[in-house]
Amino acid sequence: MLKRLMRDHQHIAMLLDILTNKNARLVEGEAVNFSVIRDIVEYMQSYAEHSHHPLEDITYHYYANKVGVPDSEQLHHEHDKLAQVSGSLMYSLNMILSDIVISKEKLVNDLASYISLQVAHMQFEEKEVFPHFANSLDSDDWQIIERQCQEKLVDDPLFSENDNVIFEDLKNYIAREDKSIKV
C-alpha cells in the first residue's frame, strides 16, 4: 500500500510538472491547450481526491490508533484545502473552455497556487507522514489497512493497464510529450 501511495506521488509530480510548464507558457503569453490542463485537474479530482487521499487518511488513522498519537489535523486540512482549490480551478477552466472570459492573471495565479499547494502537500507527506508508516506498520498492519481501504481502492484511471478510456486524450498527450513515461 505504501508503494502504491508513493507511486501515485510520482505520477502526480509528473502531472504537476506539465501544469508548471503550461503555467509558465501562460505567463509568457503563449497559447496552451486548456483541455490538457482541465484533464489533469479532473484526474486529480476523480482519482487523487476520491481514492488516493482517502487511502492516506485511512492509513494515517490506523497508524495513529496503533501508536497512540492524535489523528493528523494537518493531513485532513490539506486534503480539504486541495479539494476546494481544485474545484475553483476547475470552475475557471470550464468557463474558459465555454468561451467565457477569465482574466489571464486570475488563471495564472490560481494555477500557480494549486501547483504550490500540491507540491507542499506531497513534500509534507513524504517527509513527515510516510516515514512514520514505514517505521511503524508491518505486513499484518498493511493487510488490515488494505481491507479497510477496499471501498476506496480503484485502479488509477490514467496510469494503470486497464481499458479505461476516461483520460485517453491525456494519456496520448503524455505519451507524445515524454516517450519515457509509461501510461
C-alpha atoms as a PDB file:
ATOM      1  CA  MET A   1       0.000   0.000   0.000  1.00  0.00           C
ATOM      2  CA  LEU A   2       2.834   2.426   0.839  1.00  0.00           C
ATOM      3  CA  LYS A   3       4.430   1.634  -2.529  1.00  0.00           C
ATOM      4  CA  ARG A   4       1.132   2.482  -4.182  1.00  0.00           C
ATOM      5  CA  LEU A   5       0.917   5.822  -2.358  1.00  0.00           C
ATOM      6  CA  MET A   6       4.498   6.676  -3.334  1.00  0.00           C
ATOM      7  CA  ARG A   7       3.900   5.641  -6.952  1.00  0.00           C
ATOM      8  CA  ASP A   8       0.821   7.880  -7.005  1.00  0.00           C
ATOM      9  CA  HIS A   9       3.036  10.751  -5.818  1.00  0.00           C
ATOM     10  CA  GLN A  10       5.453  10.119  -8.684  1.00  0.00           C
ATOM     11  CA  HIS A  11       2.585  10.277 -11.165  1.00  0.00           C
ATOM     12  CA  ILE A  12       1.138  13.399  -9.562  1.00  0.00           C
ATOM     13  CA  ALA A  13       4.572  15.072  -9.618  1.00  0.00           C
ATOM     14  CA  MET A  14       4.821  14.395 -13.348  1.00  0.00           C
ATOM     15  CA  LEU A  15       1.391  15.951 -13.917  1.00  0.00           C
ATOM     16  CA  LEU A  16       2.357  18.955 -11.778  1.00  0.00           C
ATOM     17  CA  ASP A  17       5.439  19.393 -13.983  1.00  0.00           C
ATOM     18  CA  ILE A  18       3.153  19.565 -17.009  1.00  0.00           C
ATOM     19  CA  LEU A  19       0.949  22.126 -15.234  1.00  0.00           C
ATOM     20  CA  THR A  20       4.025  24.155 -14.257  1.00  0.00           C
ATOM     21  CA  ASN A  21       5.127  24.199 -17.884  1.00  0.00           C
ATOM     22  CA  LYS A  22       1.660  25.227 -19.041  1.00  0.00           C
ATOM     23  CA  ASN A  23       1.522  27.994 -16.439  1.00  0.00           C
ATOM     24  CA  ALA A  24       4.943  29.313 -17.499  1.00  0.00           C
ATOM     25  CA  ARG A  25       3.712  29.410 -21.087  1.00  0.00           C
ATOM     26  CA  LEU A  26       0.595  31.289 -19.973  1.00  0.00           C
ATOM     27  CA  VAL A  27       2.759  33.847 -18.147  1.00  0.00           C
ATOM     28  CA  GLU A  28       4.751  34.350 -21.367  1.00  0.00           C
ATOM     29  CA  GLY A  29       1.530  34.898 -23.308  1.00  0.00           C
ATOM     30  CA  GLU A  30       1.836  31.689 -25.306  1.00  0.00           C
ATOM     31  CA  ALA A  31      -1.119  29.582 -26.329  1.00  0.00           C
ATOM     32  CA  VAL A  32      -1.809  26.493 -24.243  1.00  0.00           C
ATOM     33  CA  ASN A  33      -4.165  23.558 -24.555  1.00  0.00           C
ATOM     34  CA  PHE A  34      -6.687  24.270 -21.797  1.00  0.00           C
ATOM     35  CA  SER A  35      -8.234  20.836 -22.283  1.00  0.00           C
ATOM     36  CA  VAL A  36      -4.997  19.206 -21.116  1.00  0.00           C
ATOM     37  CA  ILE A  37      -4.940  21.419 -18.026  1.00  0.00           C
ATOM     38  CA  ARG A  38      -8.586  20.625 -17.324  1.00  0.00           C
ATOM     39  CA  ASP A  39      -7.995  16.901 -17.826  1.00  0.00           C
ATOM     40  CA  ILE A  40      -5.131  16.930 -15.310  1.00  0.00           C
ATOM     41  CA  VAL A  41      -7.238  18.762 -12.731  1.00  0.00           C
ATOM     42  CA  GLU A  42     -10.157  16.431 -13.432  1.00  0.00           C
ATOM     43  CA  TYR A  43      -7.866  13.427 -12.936  1.00  0.00           C
ATOM     44  CA  MET A  44      -6.684  14.919  -9.646  1.00  0.00           C
ATOM     45  CA  GLN A  45     -10.299  15.378  -8.565  1.00  0.00           C
ATOM     46  CA  SER A  46     -11.511  11.959  -9.647  1.00  0.00           C
ATOM     47  CA  TYR A  47      -8.537   9.857  -8.551  1.00  0.00           C
ATOM     48  CA  ALA A  48      -6.384  11.750  -6.048  1.00  0.00           C
ATOM     49  CA  GLU A  49      -9.247  13.320  -4.107  1.00  0.00           C
ATOM     50  CA  HIS A  50     -11.568  10.295  -4.180  1.00  0.00           C
ATOM     51  CA  SER A  51      -9.121   7.396  -3.856  1.00  0.00           C
ATOM     52  CA  HIS A  52      -5.537   8.433  -3.083  1.00  0.00           C
ATOM     53  CA  HIS A  53      -6.296  10.930  -0.294  1.00  0.00           C
ATOM     54  CA  PRO A  54      -8.872   8.673   1.405  1.00  0.00           C
ATOM     55  CA  LEU A  55      -6.275   5.863   1.394  1.00  0.00           C
ATOM     56  CA  GLU A  56      -3.826   8.192   3.109  1.00  0.00           C
ATOM     57  CA  ASP A  57      -6.469   9.242   5.628  1.00  0.00           C
ATOM     58  CA  ILE A  58      -7.440   5.649   6.428  1.00  0.00           C
ATOM     59  CA  THR A  59      -3.793   4.647   6.743  1.00  0.00           C
ATOM     60  CA  TYR A  60      -2.979   7.597   8.993  1.00  0.00           C
ATOM     61  CA  HIS A  61      -5.989   6.898  11.192  1.00  0.00           C
ATOM     62  CA  TYR A  62      -4.882   3.286  11.569  1.00  0.00           C
ATOM     63  CA  TYR A  63      -1.290   4.373  12.285  1.00  0.00           C
ATOM     64  CA  ALA A  64      -2.434   6.961  14.858  1.00  0.00           C
ATOM     65  CA  ASN A  65      -4.538   4.372  16.696  1.00  0.00           C
ATOM     66  CA  LYS A  66      -1.729   1.841  16.645  1.00  0.00           C
ATOM     67  CA  VAL A  67       0.964   4.129  18.055  1.00  0.00           C
ATOM     68  CA  GLY A  68      -1.325   6.237  20.237  1.00  0.00           C
ATOM     69  CA  VAL A  69      -0.926   9.648  18.632  1.00  0.00           C
ATOM     70  CA  PRO A  70      -3.684  12.083  17.670  1.00  0.00           C
ATOM     71  CA  ASP A  71      -5.046  11.886  14.141  1.00  0.00           C
ATOM     72  CA  SER A  72      -3.363  14.383  11.810  1.00  0.00           C
ATOM     73  CA  GLU A  73      -5.413  17.550  11.549  1.00  0.00           C
ATOM     74  CA  GLN A  74      -2.859  18.930   9.068  1.00  0.00           C
ATOM     75  CA  LEU A  75      -3.310  15.990   6.699  1.00  0.00           C
ATOM     76  CA  HIS A  76      -7.116  16.271   6.737  1.00  0.00           C
ATOM     77  CA  HIS A  77      -6.984  20.062   6.430  1.00  0.00           C
ATOM     78  CA  GLU A  78      -4.641  19.887   3.437  1.00  0.00           C
ATOM     79  CA  HIS A  79      -6.812  17.303   1.694  1.00  0.00           C
ATOM     80  CA  ASP A  80      -9.866  19.539   2.198  1.00  0.00           C
ATOM     81  CA  LYS A  81      -7.981  22.640   1.021  1.00  0.00           C
ATOM     82  CA  LEU A  82      -6.740  20.869  -2.113  1.00  0.00           C
ATOM     83  CA  ALA A  83     -10.300  19.815  -2.956  1.00  0.00           C
ATOM     84  CA  GLN A  84     -11.521  23.403  -2.574  1.00  0.00           C
ATOM     85  CA  VAL A  85      -8.710  24.854  -4.689  1.00  0.00           C
ATOM     86  CA  SER A  86      -9.096  22.223  -7.414  1.00  0.00           C
ATOM     87  CA  GLY A  87     -12.843  22.900  -7.545  1.00  0.00           C
ATOM     88  CA  SER A  88     -12.240  26.609  -8.007  1.00  0.00           C
ATOM     89  CA  LEU A  89      -9.605  25.987 -10.661  1.00  0.00           C
ATOM     90  CA  MET A  90     -11.879  23.538 -12.478  1.00  0.00           C
ATOM     91  CA  TYR A  91     -14.650  26.144 -12.494  1.00  0.00           C
ATOM     92  CA  SER A  92     -12.325  28.687 -14.136  1.00  0.00           C
ATOM     93  CA  LEU A  93     -11.096  26.140 -16.695  1.00  0.00           C
ATOM     94  CA  ASN A  94     -14.640  25.134 -17.609  1.00  0.00           C
ATOM     95  CA  MET A  95     -15.537  28.805 -18.040  1.00  0.00           C
ATOM     96  CA  ILE A  96     -12.579  29.297 -20.399  1.00  0.00           C
ATOM     97  CA  LEU A  97     -13.461  26.174 -22.370  1.00  0.00           C
ATOM     98  CA  SER A  98     -17.018  27.521 -22.653  1.00  0.00           C
ATOM     99  CA  ASP A  99     -15.607  30.712 -24.218  1.00  0.00           C
ATOM    100  CA  ILE A 100     -16.299  32.823 -21.143  1.00  0.00           C
ATOM    101  CA  VAL A 101     -13.534  35.318 -20.482  1.00  0.00           C
ATOM    102  CA  ILE A 102     -11.453  34.810 -17.335  1.00  0.00           C
ATOM    103  CA  SER A 103      -8.540  37.143 -16.687  1.00  0.00           C
ATOM    104  CA  LYS A 104      -5.166  35.666 -17.522  1.00  0.00           C
ATOM    105  CA  GLU A 105      -3.811  36.934 -14.204  1.00  0.00           C
ATOM    106  CA  LYS A 106      -6.503  35.094 -12.228  1.00  0.00           C
ATOM    107  CA  LEU A 107      -5.884  31.841 -14.073  1.00  0.00           C
ATOM    108  CA  VAL A 108      -2.085  32.127 -13.741  1.00  0.00           C
ATOM    109  CA  ASN A 109      -2.370  32.856 -10.018  1.00  0.00           C
ATOM    110  CA  ASP A 110      -4.954  30.115  -9.400  1.00  0.00           C
ATOM    111  CA  LEU A 111      -2.885  27.558 -11.288  1.00  0.00           C
ATOM    112  CA  ALA A 112       0.339  28.587  -9.519  1.00  0.00           C
ATOM    113  CA  SER A 113      -1.416  28.371  -6.151  1.00  0.00           C
ATOM    114  CA  TYR A 114      -2.807  24.939  -6.974  1.00  0.00           C
ATOM    115  CA  ILE A 115       0.605  23.634  -8.041  1.00  0.00           C
ATOM    116  CA  SER A 116       2.290  25.116  -4.969  1.00  0.00           C
ATOM    117  CA  LEU A 117      -0.271  23.579  -2.601  1.00  0.00           C
ATOM    118  CA  GLN A 118       0.036  20.177  -4.259  1.00  0.00           C
ATOM    119  CA  VAL A 119       3.857  20.214  -4.119  1.00  0.00           C
ATOM    120  CA  ALA A 120       3.947  21.351  -0.480  1.00  0.00           C
ATOM    121  CA  HIS A 121       1.366  18.713   0.439  1.00  0.00           C
ATOM    122  CA  MET A 122       3.324  15.890  -1.164  1.00  0.00           C
ATOM    123  CA  GLN A 123       6.547  17.086   0.486  1.00  0.00           C
ATOM    124  CA  PHE A 124       4.806  17.087   3.881  1.00  0.00           C
ATOM    125  CA  GLU A 125       3.565  13.552   3.352  1.00  0.00           C
ATOM    126  CA  GLU A 126       6.854  12.219   2.015  1.00  0.00           C
ATOM    127  CA  LYS A 127       8.967  13.813   4.769  1.00  0.00           C
ATOM    128  CA  GLU A 128       6.607  13.671   7.747  1.00  0.00           C
ATOM    129  CA  VAL A 129       3.874  11.088   7.187  1.00  0.00           C
ATOM    130  CA  PHE A 130       5.161   8.251   5.011  1.00  0.00           C
ATOM    131  CA  PRO A 131       8.299   7.644   7.143  1.00  0.00           C
ATOM    132  CA  HIS A 132       6.023   7.047  10.161  1.00  0.00           C
ATOM    133  CA  PHE A 133       4.086   4.496   8.136  1.00  0.00           C
ATOM    134  CA  ALA A 134       7.268   2.762   7.007  1.00  0.00           C
ATOM    135  CA  ASN A 135       8.731   2.634  10.516  1.00  0.00           C
ATOM    136  CA  SER A 136       5.600   1.658  12.429  1.00  0.00           C
ATOM    137  CA  LEU A 137       3.450  -0.554  10.219  1.00  0.00           C
ATOM    138  CA  ASP A 138       4.245  -4.176   9.426  1.00  0.00           C
ATOM    139  CA  SER A 139       2.831  -6.527   6.793  1.00  0.00           C
ATOM    140  CA  ASP A 140      -0.066  -7.538   9.065  1.00  0.00           C
ATOM    141  CA  ASP A 141      -0.958  -3.866   9.546  1.00  0.00           C
ATOM    142  CA  TRP A 142      -0.852  -3.278   5.795  1.00  0.00           C
ATOM    143  CA  GLN A 143      -3.198  -6.223   5.205  1.00  0.00           C
ATOM    144  CA  ILE A 144      -5.689  -4.766   7.684  1.00  0.00           C
ATOM    145  CA  ILE A 145      -5.346  -1.320   6.087  1.00  0.00           C
ATOM    146  CA  GLU A 146      -5.892  -2.778   2.636  1.00  0.00           C
ATOM    147  CA  ARG A 147      -9.122  -4.442   3.800  1.00  0.00           C
ATOM    148  CA  GLN A 148     -10.257  -1.134   5.332  1.00  0.00           C
ATOM    149  CA  CYS A 149      -9.457   0.655   2.072  1.00  0.00           C
ATOM    150  CA  GLN A 150     -11.268  -1.776  -0.246  1.00  0.00           C
ATOM    151  CA  GLU A 151     -14.151   0.615  -0.838  1.00  0.00           C
ATOM    152  CA  LYS A 152     -11.763   3.406  -1.902  1.00  0.00           C
ATOM    153  CA  LEU A 153      -9.293   1.256  -3.841  1.00  0.00           C
ATOM    154  CA  VAL A 154      -9.763   1.920  -7.528  1.00  0.00           C
ATOM    155  CA  ASP A 155      -7.441   1.402 -10.453  1.00  0.00           C
ATOM    156  CA  ASP A 156      -5.645   4.565 -11.422  1.00  0.00           C
ATOM    157  CA  PRO A 157      -7.643   5.708 -14.474  1.00  0.00           C
ATOM    158  CA  LEU A 158      -4.580   7.295 -16.102  1.00  0.00           C
ATOM    159  CA  PHE A 159      -1.552   5.191 -15.171  1.00  0.00           C
ATOM    160  CA  SER A 160      -2.943   1.664 -14.949  1.00  0.00           C
ATOM    161  CA  GLU A 161      -3.024  -1.000 -17.622  1.00  0.00           C
ATOM    162  CA  ASN A 162      -6.825  -1.178 -17.721  1.00  0.00           C
ATOM    163  CA  ASP A 163      -9.006  -0.370 -20.713  1.00  0.00           C
ATOM    164  CA  ASN A 164     -10.389   2.778 -19.090  1.00  0.00           C
ATOM    165  CA  VAL A 165     -10.739   5.481 -21.742  1.00  0.00           C
ATOM    166  CA  ILE A 166     -11.779   8.320 -19.450  1.00  0.00           C
ATOM    167  CA  PHE A 167      -8.411  10.055 -19.764  1.00  0.00           C
ATOM    168  CA  GLU A 168      -7.440   8.726 -23.192  1.00  0.00           C
ATOM    169  CA  ASP A 169      -6.638  12.207 -24.569  1.00  0.00           C
ATOM    170  CA  LEU A 170      -4.417  12.948 -21.575  1.00  0.00           C
ATOM    171  CA  LYS A 171      -2.674   9.555 -21.930  1.00  0.00           C
ATOM    172  CA  ASN A 172      -1.977  10.349 -25.576  1.00  0.00           C
ATOM    173  CA  TYR A 173      -0.714  13.822 -24.716  1.00  0.00           C
ATOM    174  CA  ILE A 174       1.687  12.469 -22.101  1.00  0.00           C
ATOM    175  CA  ALA A 175       2.899   9.758 -24.486  1.00  0.00           C
ATOM    176  CA  ARG A 176       3.617  12.370 -27.183  1.00  0.00           C
ATOM    177  CA  GLU A 177       5.370  14.748 -24.776  1.00  0.00           C
ATOM    178  CA  ASP A 178       7.558  12.230 -22.981  1.00  0.00           C
ATOM    179  CA  LYS A 179       8.304   8.878 -24.580  1.00  0.00           C
ATOM    180  CA  SER A 180       9.988   7.665 -21.363  1.00  0.00           C
ATOM    181  CA  ILE A 181       6.755   7.775 -19.372  1.00  0.00           C
ATOM    182  CA  LYS A 182       4.664   4.636 -19.475  1.00  0.00           C
ATOM    183  CA  VAL A 183       0.924   5.261 -19.223  1.00  0.00           C
END
